[in-house]
Amino acid sequence: HHQKAGGGVIRRVVQQLEQSGLVARKSKTSGRVITARGKKFVAEALK
């Protein structure tokens, strides 16, 4: 099952990920990339 999420909710989550250092802006016009810290966090969560 899935349901559409409001853009504001998604935007806020991505902003929080940026603030915590798990993702970073690639450039002003491009999207975001997961940082080394974010990769480590995901790897630990999957253990």
N, C-alpha and C. Protein backbone atom coordinates (compact mmCIF):
# COMPACT_ATOMS: atom_id res chain seq x y z
N HIS A 1 0.83 -1.18 0.00
CA HIS A 1 0.00 0.00 0.00
C HIS A 1 0.88 1.24 0.00
N HIS A 2 0.39 2.28 -0.58
CA HIS A 2 1.10 3.55 -0.56
C HIS A 2 0.10 4.69 -0.60
N GLN A 3 0.57 5.83 -0.19
CA GLN A 3 -0.27 7.01 -0.22
C GLN A 3 0.62 8.21 -0.53
N LYS A 4 0.09 9.14 -1.28
CA LYS A 4 0.86 10.33 -1.60
C LYS A 4 1.14 11.13 -0.34
N ALA A 5 2.35 11.68 -0.28
CA ALA A 5 2.72 12.53 0.85
C ALA A 5 2.78 13.97 0.37
N GLY A 6 2.45 14.87 1.24
CA GLY A 6 2.53 16.29 0.89
C GLY A 6 3.97 16.71 0.69
N GLY A 7 4.21 17.62 -0.24
CA GLY A 7 5.56 18.08 -0.52
C GLY A 7 6.23 18.73 0.68
N GLY A 8 5.45 19.37 1.52
CA GLY A 8 6.02 20.02 2.70
C GLY A 8 6.61 19.01 3.67
N VAL A 9 5.97 17.87 3.81
CA VAL A 9 6.46 16.84 4.72
C VAL A 9 7.78 16.29 4.21
N ILE A 10 7.83 15.97 2.92
CA ILE A 10 9.05 15.44 2.32
C ILE A 10 10.17 16.46 2.40
N ARG A 11 9.87 17.71 2.10
CA ARG A 11 10.87 18.78 2.15
C ARG A 11 11.45 18.91 3.55
N ARG A 12 10.61 18.85 4.56
CA ARG A 12 11.06 18.98 5.95
C ARG A 12 11.97 17.82 6.34
N VAL A 13 11.63 16.62 5.94
CA VAL A 13 12.46 15.45 6.25
C VAL A 13 13.83 15.59 5.61
N VAL A 14 13.86 16.01 4.35
CA VAL A 14 15.14 16.18 3.65
C VAL A 14 15.97 17.28 4.32
N GLN A 15 15.33 18.35 4.75
CA GLN A 15 16.04 19.42 5.45
C GLN A 15 16.63 18.92 6.76
N GLN A 16 15.91 18.07 7.47
CA GLN A 16 16.41 17.52 8.72
C GLN A 16 17.60 16.59 8.47
N LEU A 17 17.53 15.83 7.38
CA LEU A 17 18.66 14.97 7.02
C LEU A 17 19.90 15.81 6.70
N GLU A 18 19.69 16.94 6.04
CA GLU A 18 20.80 17.86 5.75
C GLU A 18 21.38 18.43 7.04
N GLN A 19 20.53 18.86 7.94
CA GLN A 19 20.98 19.45 9.20
C GLN A 19 21.77 18.45 10.04
N SER A 20 21.41 17.18 9.96
CA SER A 20 22.11 16.16 10.74
C SER A 20 23.38 15.67 10.04
N GLY A 21 23.62 16.13 8.82
CA GLY A 21 24.84 15.77 8.12
C GLY A 21 24.78 14.45 7.39
N LEU A 22 23.60 13.89 7.23
CA LEU A 22 23.47 12.60 6.55
C LEU A 22 23.36 12.75 5.04
N VAL A 23 22.90 13.89 4.58
CA VAL A 23 22.89 14.20 3.15
C VAL A 23 23.42 15.61 2.96
N ALA A 24 23.89 15.90 1.75
CA ALA A 24 24.42 17.22 1.45
C ALA A 24 23.97 17.62 0.05
N ARG A 25 23.88 18.92 -0.18
CA ARG A 25 23.54 19.41 -1.51
C ARG A 25 24.71 19.15 -2.44
N LYS A 26 24.42 18.61 -3.61
CA LYS A 26 25.46 18.36 -4.60
C LYS A 26 25.90 19.69 -5.21
N SER A 27 24.94 20.50 -5.57
CA SER A 27 25.18 21.86 -6.04
C SER A 27 23.88 22.63 -5.88
N LYS A 28 23.92 23.89 -6.21
CA LYS A 28 22.73 24.72 -6.03
C LYS A 28 21.57 24.23 -6.89
N THR A 29 21.86 23.73 -8.10
CA THR A 29 20.79 23.33 -9.01
C THR A 29 20.57 21.83 -9.05
N SER A 30 21.55 21.04 -8.60
CA SER A 30 21.38 19.59 -8.59
C SER A 30 20.68 19.15 -7.32
N GLY A 31 20.54 17.86 -7.18
CA GLY A 31 19.89 17.32 -6.00
C GLY A 31 20.84 17.18 -4.83
N ARG A 32 20.59 16.19 -4.01
CA ARG A 32 21.41 15.96 -2.83
C ARG A 32 22.05 14.59 -2.93
N VAL A 33 23.14 14.41 -2.18
CA VAL A 33 23.84 13.13 -2.15
C VAL A 33 24.00 12.70 -0.70
N ILE A 34 24.08 11.40 -0.50
CA ILE A 34 24.30 10.88 0.85
C ILE A 34 25.78 11.05 1.18
N THR A 35 26.06 11.49 2.39
CA THR A 35 27.43 11.72 2.82
C THR A 35 28.03 10.43 3.36
N ALA A 36 29.33 10.46 3.64
CA ALA A 36 29.99 9.30 4.24
C ALA A 36 29.34 8.97 5.58
N ARG A 37 28.99 10.01 6.32
CA ARG A 37 28.31 9.81 7.62
C ARG A 37 26.95 9.14 7.41
N GLY A 38 26.24 9.55 6.36
CA GLY A 38 24.95 8.95 6.04
C GLY A 38 25.08 7.49 5.65
N LYS A 39 26.11 7.17 4.86
CA LYS A 39 26.36 5.78 4.46
C LYS A 39 26.67 4.92 5.67
N LYS A 40 27.47 5.46 6.58
CA LYS A 40 27.81 4.73 7.80
C LYS A 40 26.56 4.48 8.64
N PHE A 41 25.71 5.50 8.75
CA PHE A 41 24.47 5.38 9.53
C PHE A 41 23.58 4.27 8.96
N VAL A 42 23.43 4.25 7.64
CA VAL A 42 22.59 3.23 6.99
C VAL A 42 23.19 1.85 7.20
N ALA A 43 24.51 1.72 7.04
CA ALA A 43 25.18 0.43 7.22
C ALA A 43 24.97 -0.10 8.64
N GLU A 44 25.09 0.78 9.63
CA GLU A 44 24.88 0.37 11.02
C GLU A 44 23.43 -0.02 11.27
N ALA A 45 22.51 0.69 10.66
CA ALA A 45 21.08 0.40 10.86
C ALA A 45 20.70 -0.94 10.26
N LEU A 46 21.41 -1.37 9.22
CA LEU A 46 21.09 -2.63 8.55
C LEU A 46 21.67 -3.84 9.25
N LYS A 47 22.54 -3.63 10.22
CA LYS A 47 23.16 -4.76 10.94
C LYS A 47 22.17 -5.39 11.88
